[in-house]
Each structure stands twice: as C-alpha cells, then as structure tokens.
Protein backbone atom coordinates (compact mmCIF):
# COMPACT_ATOMS: atom_id res chain seq x y z
CA UNK A 1 -15.53 12.00 5.28
CA UNK A 2 -14.98 8.58 4.03
CA UNK A 3 -14.08 8.42 0.20
CA UNK A 4 -15.63 5.66 -1.59
CA UNK A 5 -13.15 3.30 -3.12
CA UNK A 6 -15.02 2.74 -6.46
CA UNK A 7 -17.57 4.53 -8.59
CA UNK A 8 -20.00 1.59 -8.12
CA UNK A 9 -19.62 2.14 -4.34
CA UNK A 10 -20.34 5.88 -4.93
CA UNK A 11 -23.49 5.15 -6.70
CA UNK A 12 -24.52 2.71 -4.19
CA UNK A 13 -25.02 5.16 -1.39
CA UNK A 14 -21.51 6.95 -0.72
CA UNK A 15 -22.09 9.66 -3.34
CA UNK A 16 -25.18 11.72 -3.63
CA UNK A 17 -26.66 10.86 -7.05
CA UNK A 18 -29.96 11.33 -9.02
CA UNK A 19 -30.90 7.61 -8.48
CA UNK A 20 -30.43 7.88 -4.72
CA UNK A 21 -32.19 11.16 -4.51
CA UNK A 22 -35.39 9.35 -6.45
CA UNK A 23 -35.27 6.37 -4.22
CA UNK A 24 -35.70 8.68 -1.06
CA UNK A 25 -38.11 10.89 -2.90
CA UNK A 26 -40.51 8.17 -3.92
CA UNK A 27 -40.64 6.82 -0.30
CA UNK A 28 -41.74 10.29 0.82
CA UNK A 29 -44.09 10.70 -1.64
CA UNK A 30 -45.74 7.32 -1.21
CA UNK A 31 -46.07 7.87 2.54
CA UNK A 32 -47.35 11.43 2.17
CA UNK A 33 -49.96 10.12 -0.52
CA UNK A 34 -51.10 7.39 1.67
CA UNK A 35 -52.00 10.16 4.38
CA UNK A 36 -53.49 12.53 1.93
CA UNK A 37 -55.49 9.57 0.20
CA UNK A 38 -56.73 8.69 3.68
CA UNK A 39 -58.14 12.26 4.17
CA UNK A 40 -59.52 12.21 0.64
CA UNK A 41 -61.50 9.00 1.35
CA UNK A 42 -62.71 10.57 4.55
CA UNK A 43 -63.95 13.42 2.47
CA UNK A 44 -65.87 11.33 -0.17
CA UNK A 45 -67.72 9.46 2.83
CA UNK A 46 -69.28 12.82 3.98
CA UNK A 47 -70.10 14.13 0.62
CA UNK A 48 -72.82 13.24 -2.01
CA UNK A 49 -70.38 11.22 -4.20
CA UNK A 50 -71.74 8.04 -5.67
CA UNK A 51 -70.84 4.80 -4.14
CA UNK A 52 -68.58 3.82 -7.26
CA UNK A 53 -66.56 6.78 -6.81
CA UNK A 54 -66.11 5.90 -3.08
CA UNK A 55 -65.36 2.25 -3.99
CA UNK A 56 -62.70 3.40 -6.55
CA UNK A 57 -61.27 5.76 -4.01
CA UNK A 58 -60.75 3.17 -1.56
CA UNK A 59 -59.44 0.84 -4.03
CA UNK A 60 -56.89 2.99 -5.16
CA UNK A 61 -55.86 4.03 -1.51
CA UNK A 62 -55.38 0.40 -0.81
CA UNK A 63 -53.07 -0.05 -3.87
CA UNK A 64 -50.92 2.84 -2.86
CA UNK A 65 -50.68 1.61 0.66
CA UNK A 66 -49.53 -1.84 -0.68
CA UNK A 67 -46.95 -0.27 -2.82
CA UNK A 68 -45.72 1.96 -0.09
CA UNK A 69 -45.37 -0.96 2.26
CA UNK A 70 -43.63 -3.34 0.05
CA UNK A 71 -40.18 -1.49 -0.25
CA UNK A 72 -38.58 -4.38 -1.88
CA UNK A 73 -40.43 -3.88 -5.20
CA UNK A 74 -38.36 -2.47 -7.86
CA UNK A 75 -38.23 1.33 -8.24
CA UNK A 76 -39.84 1.62 -11.68
CA UNK A 77 -42.88 -0.62 -10.42
CA UNK A 78 -43.57 1.65 -7.38
CA UNK A 79 -43.12 4.99 -9.30
CA UNK A 80 -45.05 3.66 -12.18
CA UNK A 81 -48.05 2.57 -9.99
CA UNK A 82 -48.06 5.88 -8.28
CA UNK A 83 -48.15 7.88 -11.44
CA UNK A 84 -50.77 5.63 -12.72
CA UNK A 85 -52.92 6.30 -9.55
CA UNK A 86 -52.32 9.95 -9.87
CA UNK A 87 -53.50 9.92 -13.50
CA UNK A 88 -56.57 7.98 -12.50
CA UNK A 89 -57.26 10.37 -9.86
CA UNK A 90 -57.15 13.12 -12.25
CA UNK A 91 -59.35 11.40 -14.88
CA UNK A 92 -61.97 10.51 -12.48
CA UNK A 93 -61.82 14.05 -11.11
CA UNK A 94 -62.41 15.35 -14.62
CA UNK A 95 -65.40 13.16 -15.05
CA UNK A 96 -66.87 13.60 -11.62
CA UNK A 97 -65.78 17.27 -10.66
CA UNK A 98 -64.88 19.09 -13.74
CA UNK A 99 -62.01 20.61 -15.48
CA UNK A 100 -60.80 22.84 -12.36
CA UNK A 101 -59.69 19.81 -10.04
CA UNK A 102 -58.64 17.71 -12.90
CA UNK A 103 -56.10 20.31 -14.15
CA UNK A 104 -54.45 20.35 -10.61
CA UNK A 105 -54.10 16.74 -10.37
CA UNK A 106 -52.89 16.34 -14.09
CA UNK A 107 -50.41 19.08 -13.46
CA UNK A 108 -49.13 17.19 -10.40
CA UNK A 109 -49.08 14.07 -12.88
CA UNK A 110 -46.83 15.91 -15.30
CA UNK A 111 -44.40 17.33 -12.68
CA UNK A 112 -44.13 13.84 -10.79
CA UNK A 113 -43.58 12.04 -14.00
CA UNK A 114 -40.51 14.40 -14.71
CA UNK A 115 -39.24 13.99 -11.18
CA UNK A 116 -39.64 10.17 -10.89
CA UNK A 117 -38.94 8.47 -13.98
CA UNK A 118 -35.12 8.42 -15.49
CA UNK A 119 -35.99 9.46 -19.03
CA UNK A 120 -35.56 13.04 -19.44
CA UNK A 121 -38.11 13.10 -22.39
CA UNK A 122 -40.90 11.14 -20.46
CA UNK A 123 -42.27 14.56 -19.06
CA UNK A 124 -43.19 15.75 -22.47
CA UNK A 125 -44.79 12.37 -23.07
CA UNK A 126 -46.96 12.89 -19.86
CA UNK A 127 -47.90 16.32 -21.11
CA UNK A 128 -49.15 14.74 -24.55
CA UNK A 129 -51.26 12.28 -22.55
CA UNK A 130 -52.89 14.79 -20.57
CA UNK A 131 -53.55 17.19 -23.29
CA UNK A 132 -55.02 14.18 -25.27
CA UNK A 133 -57.23 13.16 -22.31
CA UNK A 134 -58.47 16.54 -21.68
CA UNK A 135 -60.29 17.35 -24.89
CA UNK A 136 -61.27 13.65 -25.35
CA UNK A 137 -63.18 13.17 -22.20
CA UNK A 138 -63.87 16.74 -21.18
CA UNK A 139 -64.81 18.37 -24.32
CA UNK A 140 -67.60 20.43 -23.11
CA UNK A 141 -65.50 21.93 -20.13
CA UNK A 142 -62.63 22.66 -22.47
CA UNK A 143 -64.46 24.35 -25.01
CA UNK A 144 -65.96 26.88 -22.58
CA UNK A 145 -64.34 30.02 -22.03
CA UNK A 146 -63.23 29.11 -18.42
CA UNK A 147 -62.03 25.73 -19.69
CA UNK A 148 -59.90 27.26 -22.50
CA UNK A 149 -58.44 29.54 -19.75
CA UNK A 150 -57.59 26.62 -17.36
CA UNK A 151 -56.26 24.51 -20.22
CA UNK A 152 -54.21 27.32 -21.39
CA UNK A 153 -52.68 28.09 -17.93
CA UNK A 154 -52.04 24.33 -17.59
CA UNK A 155 -50.15 24.13 -20.72
CA UNK A 156 -48.07 27.07 -20.12
CA UNK A 157 -47.36 26.12 -16.65
CA UNK A 158 -46.56 22.62 -17.45
CA UNK A 159 -44.20 23.66 -20.56
CA UNK A 160 -42.16 25.84 -18.32
CA UNK A 161 -42.03 23.37 -15.51
CA UNK A 162 -41.07 20.61 -18.00
CA UNK A 163 -38.42 22.78 -19.41
CA UNK A 164 -36.94 23.63 -15.98
CA UNK A 165 -37.07 19.99 -14.91
CA UNK A 166 -35.33 18.87 -18.16
CA UNK A 167 -32.59 21.57 -17.89
CA UNK A 168 -32.08 20.60 -14.23
CA UNK A 169 -31.87 16.97 -14.76
CA UNK A 170 -29.37 17.58 -17.83
CA UNK A 171 -27.11 19.97 -15.54
CA UNK A 172 -27.44 17.40 -12.68
CA UNK A 173 -26.31 14.68 -14.93
CA UNK A 174 -23.54 16.59 -16.20
CA UNK A 175 -22.49 17.46 -12.75
CA UNK A 176 -22.77 13.91 -11.69
CA UNK A 177 -20.66 12.73 -14.75
CA UNK A 178 -18.01 15.48 -13.78
CA UNK A 179 -17.95 14.31 -10.24
CA UNK A 180 -17.59 10.84 -11.33
CA UNK A 181 -14.75 11.74 -13.52
CA UNK A 182 -13.03 13.52 -10.58
CA UNK A 183 -13.75 10.59 -8.51
CA UNK A 184 -12.11 8.23 -10.97
CA UNK A 185 -9.22 10.66 -11.08
CA UNK A 186 -8.88 10.88 -7.36
CA UNK A 187 -8.98 6.90 -7.17
CA UNK A 188 -6.35 6.71 -9.88
CA UNK A 189 -4.17 9.11 -8.17
CA UNK A 190 -4.66 7.47 -4.91
CA UNK A 191 -3.72 4.05 -6.35
CA UNK A 192 -0.67 5.86 -7.99
CA UNK A 193 0.28 7.24 -4.50
CA UNK A 194 -0.13 4.02 -2.80
CA UNK A 195 1.94 2.25 -5.35
CA UNK A 196 4.57 5.09 -4.97
CA UNK A 197 4.56 4.73 -1.17
CA UNK A 198 5.22 0.84 -1.54
CA UNK A 199 7.89 1.22 -4.00
CA UNK A 200 9.57 4.03 -1.79
CA UNK A 201 9.06 1.76 1.36
CA UNK A 202 10.49 -1.24 -0.32
CA UNK A 203 13.36 0.99 -1.69
CA UNK A 204 14.06 2.28 1.81
CA UNK A 205 13.86 -1.14 3.35
CA UNK A 206 16.29 -2.60 0.55
CA UNK A 207 18.67 0.42 1.15
CA UNK A 208 18.37 -0.06 5.00
CA UNK A 209 19.42 -3.86 4.61
CA UNK A 210 22.21 -2.95 2.23
CA UNK A 211 23.58 -0.22 4.54
CA UNK A 212 23.33 -2.93 7.45
CA UNK A 213 25.14 -5.36 5.32
CA UNK A 214 27.90 -2.85 4.50
CA UNK A 215 28.35 -1.97 7.87
CA UNK A 216 28.60 -5.58 8.90
CA UNK A 217 31.19 -6.28 6.14
CA UNK A 218 33.30 -3.25 7.29
CA UNK A 219 33.30 -4.47 10.84
CA UNK A 220 34.32 -8.04 9.81
CA UNK A 221 37.16 -6.93 7.52
CA UNK A 222 38.57 -4.17 9.83
CA UNK A 223 40.16 -6.69 11.96
CA UNK A 224 41.89 -8.69 9.19
CA UNK A 225 45.63 -8.01 8.44
CA UNK A 226 46.56 -10.44 5.86
CA UNK A 227 45.88 -9.28 2.50
CA UNK A 228 44.97 -12.67 1.00
CA UNK A 229 42.46 -13.30 3.72
CA UNK A 230 40.94 -9.81 3.47
CA UNK A 231 40.21 -10.35 -0.18
CA UNK A 232 38.70 -13.74 0.17
CA UNK A 233 36.51 -12.56 3.12
CA UNK A 234 35.16 -9.42 1.09
CA UNK A 235 34.29 -11.66 -1.79
CA UNK A 236 32.43 -14.24 0.50
CA UNK A 237 30.58 -11.74 2.57
CA UNK A 238 29.46 -9.53 -0.38
CA UNK A 239 27.88 -12.67 -2.00
CA UNK A 240 26.37 -13.93 1.26
CA UNK A 241 25.09 -10.58 2.48
CA UNK A 242 23.71 -9.01 -0.92
CA UNK A 243 22.63 -12.37 -2.43
CA UNK A 244 24.64 -12.09 -5.63
CA UNK A 245 25.68 -14.71 -8.27
CA UNK A 246 29.35 -13.83 -8.28
CA UNK A 247 31.79 -11.44 -6.53
CA UNK A 248 35.33 -10.95 -7.60
CA UNK A 249 38.18 -8.74 -6.37
CA UNK A 250 40.74 -7.55 -8.97
CA UNK A 251 44.00 -6.00 -8.14
CA UNK A 252 46.07 -3.73 -10.41
CA UNK A 253 49.65 -5.17 -11.10
CA UNK A 254 52.74 -2.92 -10.43
CA UNK A 255 52.94 -1.82 -14.16
CA UNK A 256 49.44 -0.64 -14.03
CA UNK A 257 48.50 -2.40 -17.32
CA UNK A 258 46.74 -5.25 -16.00
CA UNK A 259 43.69 -6.00 -13.57
CA UNK A 260 44.45 -9.40 -12.05
CA UNK A 261 41.78 -11.66 -10.44
CA UNK A 262 42.86 -12.26 -6.59
CA UNK A 263 39.59 -13.60 -4.92
CA UNK A 264 36.15 -14.77 -5.93
CA UNK A 265 33.13 -16.34 -4.42
CA UNK A 266 31.85 -18.63 -7.15
CA UNK A 267 33.31 -21.76 -8.39
CA UNK A 268 33.79 -20.25 -11.93
CA UNK A 269 35.89 -17.46 -10.16
CA UNK A 270 38.07 -19.96 -8.36
CA UNK A 271 38.86 -21.72 -11.58
CA UNK A 272 39.61 -18.36 -13.20
CA UNK A 273 42.19 -17.63 -10.30
CA UNK A 274 43.94 -20.93 -10.77
CA UNK A 275 44.39 -20.01 -14.53
CA UNK A 276 45.80 -16.55 -13.41
CA UNK A 277 42.87 -14.62 -14.96
CA UNK A 278 43.50 -10.97 -15.78
CA UNK A 279 42.09 -8.24 -17.89
CA UNK A 280 43.84 -5.52 -19.83
CA UNK A 281 43.27 -2.20 -18.35
CA UNK A 282 40.93 -0.10 -20.72
CA UNK A 283 40.42 -2.67 -23.31
CA UNK A 284 38.66 -5.61 -21.88
CA UNK A 285 35.16 -5.87 -20.25
CA UNK A 286 33.58 -3.73 -17.52
CA UNK A 287 36.29 -4.26 -15.29
CA UNK A 288 39.22 -3.06 -17.69
CA UNK A 289 36.96 -0.02 -18.43
CA UNK A 290 36.31 0.84 -14.82
CA UNK A 291 40.25 0.35 -14.12
CA UNK A 292 40.82 2.89 -16.80
CA UNK A 293 38.14 5.56 -16.29
CA UNK A 294 38.14 5.19 -12.36
CA UNK A 295 34.29 5.33 -11.90
CA UNK A 296 31.64 2.55 -11.61
CA UNK A 297 29.95 1.08 -14.75
CA UNK A 298 26.52 -0.99 -14.61
CA UNK A 299 25.52 -3.50 -17.38
CA UNK A 300 21.93 -4.05 -16.76
CA UNK A 301 21.75 -6.47 -19.72
CA UNK A 302 25.05 -8.22 -20.53
CA UNK A 303 23.73 -9.15 -23.86
CA UNK A 304 23.07 -5.59 -24.90
CA UNK A 305 26.08 -4.03 -23.35
CA UNK A 306 28.84 -3.78 -25.83
CA UNK A 307 31.48 -3.32 -23.00
CA UNK A 308 30.56 -6.58 -21.57
CA UNK A 309 33.24 -9.27 -21.67
CA UNK A 310 31.52 -12.80 -22.20
CA UNK A 311 33.03 -15.15 -19.66
CA UNK A 312 32.12 -19.03 -20.18
CA UNK A 313 33.08 -19.70 -16.47
CA UNK A 314 30.17 -17.58 -15.35
CA UNK A 315 27.52 -18.27 -17.86
CA UNK A 316 24.43 -17.43 -15.68
CA UNK A 317 25.57 -13.64 -15.45
CA UNK A 318 22.57 -11.40 -16.55
CA UNK A 319 23.67 -8.03 -15.13
CA UNK A 320 26.93 -6.78 -13.67
CA UNK A 321 28.45 -3.81 -11.85
CA UNK A 322 32.08 -2.95 -11.39
CA UNK A 323 33.41 -0.33 -8.84
CA UNK A 324 36.68 1.08 -8.35
CA UNK A 325 38.74 0.48 -5.32
CA UNK A 326 40.24 4.01 -4.96
CA UNK A 327 42.40 5.38 -2.08
CA UNK A 328 43.63 9.17 -2.66
CA UNK A 329 42.51 9.25 -6.30
CA UNK A 330 44.82 6.00 -6.80
CA UNK A 331 43.14 3.04 -8.02
CA UNK A 332 44.14 -0.26 -6.15
CA UNK A 333 41.65 -2.64 -7.96
CA UNK A 334 38.00 -3.36 -8.95
CA UNK A 335 35.13 -4.97 -7.07
CA UNK A 336 33.23 -6.94 -9.71
CA UNK A 337 29.53 -8.06 -8.88
CA UNK A 338 27.56 -10.09 -11.04
CA UNK A 339 24.04 -11.13 -10.69
CA UNK A 340 21.87 -13.92 -12.44
CA UNK A 341 18.92 -11.58 -12.72
CA UNK A 342 18.48 -8.80 -15.27
CA UNK A 343 18.13 -5.13 -14.01
CA UNK A 344 19.43 -6.19 -10.65
CA UNK A 345 21.26 -2.91 -10.05
CA UNK A 346 20.06 0.57 -9.83
CA UNK A 347 21.40 3.95 -8.75
CA UNK A 348 20.88 3.71 -5.12
CA UNK A 349 22.65 0.38 -5.19
CA UNK A 350 25.80 2.10 -6.86
CA UNK A 351 25.83 4.67 -3.91
CA UNK A 352 25.76 1.80 -1.20
CA UNK A 353 28.25 -0.33 -2.97
CA UNK A 354 30.62 2.32 -3.74
CA UNK A 355 30.63 3.10 -0.10
CA UNK A 356 31.30 -0.42 0.39
CA UNK A 357 34.15 -0.23 -1.97
CA UNK A 358 35.75 2.65 -0.55
CA UNK A 359 35.79 0.77 2.83
CA UNK A 360 37.26 -2.36 1.10
CA UNK A 361 39.95 -0.01 -0.63
CA UNK A 362 40.88 1.27 2.93
CA UNK A 363 41.15 -2.01 4.28
CA UNK A 364 43.35 -3.31 1.43
CA UNK A 365 45.54 -0.17 1.64
CA UNK A 366 45.92 -0.62 5.49
CA UNK A 367 46.78 -4.28 4.89
CA UNK A 368 49.38 -3.50 2.20
CA UNK A 369 51.14 -0.78 4.48
CA UNK A 370 51.00 -3.48 7.23
CA UNK A 371 52.73 -5.75 4.99
CA UNK A 372 55.21 -3.19 3.86
CA UNK A 373 55.95 -2.12 7.52
CA UNK A 374 56.46 -5.58 8.48
CA UNK A 375 59.01 -6.40 5.81
CA UNK A 376 60.89 -3.24 6.47
CA UNK A 377 60.92 -4.40 10.19
CA UNK A 378 62.26 -7.76 9.23
CA UNK A 379 64.75 -6.15 6.97
CA UNK A 380 66.02 -3.97 9.74
CA UNK A 381 66.33 -6.54 12.19
CA UNK A 382 68.27 -8.65 9.79
CA UNK A 383 70.48 -5.79 8.97
CA UNK A 384 70.82 -4.82 12.64
CA UNK A 385 71.58 -8.58 13.59
CA UNK A 386 74.30 -8.83 10.78
CA UNK A 387 76.02 -5.67 11.92
CA UNK A 388 75.98 -6.73 15.74
CA UNK A 389 77.26 -10.19 14.45
CA UNK A 390 80.06 -8.60 12.44
CA UNK A 391 80.94 -5.90 15.15
CA UNK A 392 81.09 -8.52 17.99
CA UNK A 393 82.96 -11.01 15.69
CA UNK A 394 85.93 -8.86 15.97
CA UNK A 395 85.72 -8.42 19.77
CA UNK A 396 86.60 -12.01 20.80
CA UNK A 397 89.56 -11.76 18.34
CA UNK A 398 90.94 -9.07 20.52
CA UNK A 399 91.04 -10.80 23.59
CA UNK A 400 88.63 -13.00 25.57
CA UNK A 401 87.11 -11.78 28.57
CA UNK A 402 86.09 -14.23 31.38
CA UNK A 403 85.49 -13.20 34.88
CA UNK A 404 84.54 -15.60 37.75
CA UNK A 405 83.16 -14.60 41.25
CA UNK A 406 83.98 -17.05 44.01
CA UNK A 407 84.20 -16.84 47.93
CA UNK A 408 87.82 -16.04 47.42
CA UNK A 409 86.88 -12.86 45.26
CA UNK A 410 86.75 -11.80 41.58
CA UNK A 411 89.34 -13.06 39.07
CA UNK A 412 89.88 -13.34 35.33
CA UNK A 413 90.38 -16.75 34.19
CA UNK A 414 89.32 -19.22 31.54
CA UNK A 415 85.60 -20.32 31.59
CA UNK A 416 85.05 -23.35 34.04
CA UNK A 417 82.91 -26.30 33.71
CA UNK A 418 79.47 -25.81 35.02
CA UNK A 419 78.48 -28.22 37.79
CA UNK A 420 75.04 -30.07 37.82
CA UNK A 421 73.63 -27.45 40.18
CA UNK A 422 74.33 -24.51 37.79
CA UNK A 423 72.20 -22.61 35.57
CA UNK A 424 73.43 -20.85 32.56
CA UNK A 425 71.72 -17.88 30.47
CA UNK A 426 73.12 -16.75 27.22
CA UNK A 427 73.84 -12.86 26.73
CA UNK A 428 71.66 -12.15 23.67
CA UNK A 429 71.97 -9.07 21.65
CA UNK A 430 69.40 -8.45 18.88
CA UNK A 431 69.29 -12.11 18.28
CA UNK A 432 73.23 -12.75 18.35
CA UNK A 433 74.85 -14.69 21.28
CA UNK A 434 77.75 -12.50 22.45
CA UNK A 435 78.44 -14.27 25.74
CA UNK A 436 77.10 -16.41 28.58
CA UNK A 437 76.38 -16.03 32.43
CA UNK A 438 76.67 -19.08 34.38
CA UNK A 439 75.68 -19.24 38.15
CA UNK A 440 76.36 -22.22 40.41
CA UNK A 441 74.60 -22.75 43.90
CA UNK A 442 76.27 -24.53 47.09
CA UNK A 443 74.66 -27.77 48.10
CA UNK A 444 71.74 -29.36 46.50
CA UNK A 445 69.35 -26.20 46.41
CA UNK A 446 67.37 -26.47 43.26
CA UNK A 447 66.84 -23.53 40.80
CA UNK A 448 63.23 -22.27 40.49
CA UNK A 449 61.55 -20.94 37.38
CA UNK A 450 61.57 -17.42 39.07
CA UNK A 451 65.37 -17.70 39.68
CA UNK A 452 65.96 -18.93 36.05
CA UNK A 453 63.85 -15.93 34.67
CA UNK A 454 65.82 -13.45 36.89
CA UNK A 455 69.22 -14.78 35.54
CA UNK A 456 67.80 -14.49 32.03
CA UNK A 457 66.67 -11.02 32.48
CA UNK A 458 70.09 -9.95 34.03
CA UNK A 459 71.73 -11.54 30.92
CA UNK A 460 69.59 -9.38 28.86
CA UNK A 461 70.36 -6.05 30.60
CA UNK A 462 74.18 -7.12 30.50
CA UNK A 463 73.89 -7.64 26.85
CA UNK A 464 72.46 -4.00 26.30
CA UNK A 465 75.08 -2.50 28.86
CA UNK A 466 77.87 -4.32 27.10
CA UNK A 467 76.88 -3.05 23.48
CA UNK A 468 76.49 0.37 24.89
CA UNK A 469 80.07 0.17 26.09
CA UNK A 470 81.05 -1.05 22.60
CA UNK A 471 79.28 1.99 20.98
CA UNK A 472 81.10 4.18 23.28
CA UNK A 473 84.36 2.88 22.59
CA UNK A 474 83.71 2.99 18.83
CA UNK A 475 82.69 6.57 19.12
CA UNK A 476 85.69 7.47 21.18
CA UNK A 477 88.03 5.80 18.68
CA UNK A 478 86.11 7.60 15.74
CA UNK A 479 86.40 11.04 17.55
CA UNK A 480 90.26 10.37 18.14
CA UNK A 481 90.76 9.52 14.50
CA UNK A 482 88.96 12.53 13.29
CA UNK A 483 91.00 14.67 15.80
CA UNK A 484 94.30 13.25 14.33
CA UNK A 485 93.12 13.85 10.69
CA UNK A 486 92.27 17.50 11.74
CA UNK A 487 95.78 18.06 13.14
CA UNK A 488 97.52 16.45 10.10
CA UNK A 489 95.39 18.62 7.67
CA UNK A 490 96.54 21.73 9.71
CA UNK A 491 100.16 20.88 9.55
CA UNK A 492 99.93 19.82 5.83
CA UNK A 493 98.59 23.20 4.98
CA UNK A 494 101.53 25.07 6.62
CA UNK A 495 104.01 23.21 4.19
CA UNK A 496 104.83 25.12 1.16
CA UNK A 497 107.59 22.80 -0.48
CA UNK A 498 106.74 19.42 -1.85
CA UNK A 499 109.51 17.78 -0.08
CA UNK A 500 108.71 19.33 3.11
CA UNK A 501 105.12 18.02 2.86
CA UNK A 502 106.14 14.65 1.92
CA UNK A 503 108.42 14.48 5.07
CA UNK A 504 105.83 15.88 7.42
CA UNK A 505 103.30 13.35 6.15
CA UNK A 506 105.98 10.42 6.57
CA UNK A 507 106.83 11.70 10.07
CA UNK A 508 103.37 12.36 11.42
CA UNK A 509 101.93 9.19 10.17
CA UNK A 510 104.91 7.17 11.59
CA UNK A 511 103.91 8.66 15.29
CA UNK A 512 100.67 6.78 15.23
CA UNK A 513 100.29 3.95 17.36
CA UNK A 514 101.73 0.37 16.14
CA UNK A 515 103.25 1.95 12.87
CA UNK A 516 106.85 0.56 12.04
CA UNK A 517 107.42 2.29 8.63
CA UNK A 518 105.49 4.78 6.45
CA UNK A 519 106.45 5.30 2.91
CA UNK A 520 104.97 8.21 1.03
CA UNK A 521 105.66 8.36 -2.74
CA UNK A 522 104.25 10.36 -5.75
CA UNK A 523 104.69 9.71 -9.61
CA UNK A 524 106.09 6.41 -10.99
CA UNK A 525 109.45 4.47 -10.87
CA UNK A 526 111.56 3.65 -13.80
CA UNK A 527 110.83 0.27 -15.61
CA UNK A 528 112.84 -2.71 -13.83
CA UNK A 529 113.84 -5.89 -15.43
CA UNK A 530 111.89 -7.90 -12.79
CA UNK A 531 108.78 -5.92 -12.63
CA UNK A 532 106.65 -4.24 -15.35
CA UNK A 533 105.76 -1.25 -13.49
CA UNK A 534 106.79 -0.13 -9.97
CA UNK A 535 105.60 3.03 -8.26
CA UNK A 536 108.49 5.62 -7.42
CA UNK A 537 108.61 6.03 -3.57
CA UNK A 538 110.81 8.14 -1.38
CA UNK A 539 111.76 6.58 2.03
CA UNK A 540 111.94 8.79 5.10
CA UNK A 541 112.84 7.66 8.39
C-alpha cells in the first residue's frame, strides 16, 4: 500500500476521510435520485394529479439532473440543491397527499442533511425546519389522532437518528484526527530515518575514503628507508589525502622531555622547523599533553580548549587532533593534524587516524632500526678493516714474499716491472690492499674484460686464503704460548723454596726461542748514588 507523503495528500484521496466519503456518496445519491425522480414523474402522468404538480415535478427533476451532470460544481451547492429539492418534495407532498407521505420525505430530508452537510449541528436545524413546517402548513392533519401519532413517530425516529449520526460523526472525526496524528508521526519518523540513513551513508563513505587513504599512505611509506624522507612523506600525504590544513610530525628527544618538530606540510610548519620548534612534554599544548598521556586528544574548538597552544605560525587553525606514535608502549613521537574548520574531527576519525599513526610509528621504528643497523655495520667494517691493516702491517716487516712463475719454473725473487701487455689485480682483504697479482702474456695478445674479471676474482680468493693462513698461524702461535704457560705453571707449583722457584723461572724462560738473558727479581735494591731507586735483582745464568 502506498503511504501518502503528507497529510494534504492523504486528505486528497490517499486516505479514507469523511470529506471523500461525502463526495462519493453525493454522486451516488444524485444518480439514484434522478432515476427515482424519473419514475415519480411517470407516476404523476398516469394519476389524477393537477397540471401544476406535474410541471413542478418535471422542473424539480430537471434541476436534479442538471446538478448531477455538472460534477465540477462545488460540493455544498450540489448537496444544498439536493436537500432543497427533497424538502420541496416533502412540502408539496404535504399539501397534495397529506401527512403520511410527507413524513417519509421529511424524515429523508433530516437524515440526508445530517449525512451530507459538514456541520454536526445542522441535523438539529433540519429537524427544527420540518417540525415548524408540519403544523404551519398541515395543521389539520397534524391535530388529528393519526397525525399526532405520525408526527410523534417522526420526532422520535428523527431524534434517535440525529443522535446516532451526531455520535458517529464525532467518533469518525476523532478517529480521523488520531489517524492524521499517527500519519504525521510516521511521516516525521520516516523523515528522521531517511536523515539517519543519509548521515550513516555519508559517514560510511567518509570512513571508506579515510581507510583507503590510510592504506595508500601505508603502501607509500613502507618502501621508504630514510627517516627524514619518511617523515616528510607522511606529513605531505596526510594533508593531501585527507585535505587538512596542517600536518606535523614530532619526535621525542633522547632525554624524553621535549617533542621536536621534524616534518610539516604547511609553510608555517616549515618556518617552525627552521627555528627548531619543540614543546615540553606534559606542559605545552595538545602535543605535550599527548606525549605525556600517550593517548589521543581532540580540540574541536581551539578557542574554547584550555590545553590548546596558540601558534602564530598557524593562525587559521580551528580544530586540532594529536595522536601518539606508539611502538610496544613506547612513544616515539606525535602526529599533529590541524584543520581550518571547527568540529572537523569525531570519534570515527580518531579510530582511522590512530590506525594510521600506528602504521607510521612502525615505519619510523623500522627506519630507525635500519639506521642503527647500518651504523653498526659501518663501525664493524671500520674495526675489521683497522685490525686487518694492523695485522698485515706486521707481516711485510717479517719478510717480503714474492713468487714469480716463468717458463723456467717457479722462483722467489723481487717484484719485476710489468710490461705493456700485463694485467695487474690488487689482493684486497676487507678494504685493505695486502698484495698484488701481475700476469703478462706473450706476444701482442690483448686482455679481454672477461680475462681481467677472472684475474680480479682470483686475487679476491687469494686474499681470503692468505688471511685464513694468517689466522691459522696466529691460532697455532696462541696455542703454543698457552701450552708453554701451562707447563711453566705446573713446574712453578712444584717448587717449595723461593730461591728454587726463582731459579726455575729464570731457567725455563731462558729456554724460550730468541731469548739471550732472563732476570727475575723481587723486592727493591738499596739506594745508589747515581739512581734514586733501583729494583733488586738476582741474575741467574
């Protein structure tokens, strides 16, 4: 069933009303009356009625037909003409046929008046007209015994009918008013529901766009490894994708007491960066509050928010939200977003922006870890290179090693001068040059790039092999030293006398390779004239 969109439409035909019922009822009554009037005229023609009565009947029927056909006439005119004709019919019947037929027509006049006319009291007026007409123009009939009975019955039946019609109309009017109120309430509820649906739809569309923007920002920042570039990209993308006035990224310093602005999307924010703008944690602005509390904060009206920090570099700010950049409950910084519109943020925006902040925090932490890892690798490479340089710096001092292969065989000699048709590749080890490989060809055959790459790869492998030999020699030497120390400790533990212990120590140390003399002493020597203090020593050969 179609529901009318307004009470006016309901009254016009969409809803059952008393006015609609009367309109349909008057049409049926008029057409029926035209048929009944035609039969009445035919009856008059075959009776002994006077010519005046016949002409009156024909004239009344013609007026009735005219009113019935002209449906564009106002309702009150059609209803009034019909009631007037009905009254005239009763009046003429009273004059022509007596009280009995007139009572029937007058009763119809009373009932039809109550049904057709909108005023509820008009039925009582119609009764008054009838009961004035009857004694006035039919006194003789009314005063008779049968007349009094007929008039009494007419009065009782008319009063009961009038009361019933009046009560029905009152109840119908009340029901119609209740229905109209219910319809108005339904229309209001429908409008409210439509408005809510539109708001929910707009909210869902906005949240979908925000989630799409968040996903796009996460994809773009996931590939950035440089921390400075990452922060600048985050500030720019948040402003571009969400359409905000200003976006700033603060990072907490090492001491944890300042939030330092590192990236911004607005001109005012960039001026703040040049000045080294920072806010004290817990005491300055929304950023400082969020840095201390580790939870988001919204200022829907910066003029009314007592925590808001007025910034002359951002004069157009009307609302602001600050979100913590948290990783494992550790705050790295704050994502500060400002809008030039009041009431620009709500609870749903907080959920989406906090998700974005979490992704940004992870990206920042990854960039920091990557920087720390790269710094550690650089330090490790520098340390390894230094130790390699120190270790191999001692090797050439022991003795130079040069080996040359010729058609006559392999021999050790000094490094020869390379010819024009020779290729040379340094032996590199952890960034240090520890030697060189030089290869010369017979004749004028040139070296290809593949040949040179092969020589360089061989030189690289030679460097690794040489370093392995050096490490093996050092390990063997350390093992020999530890073995000697172990033997000496065993022999020292067997001596029970101090002199015997010192002699044993001198004797065993003197047997080490390349040792010419060993002195072992304890205590201090007496004062000498040429020296202020000498240690006492006991020489044992």
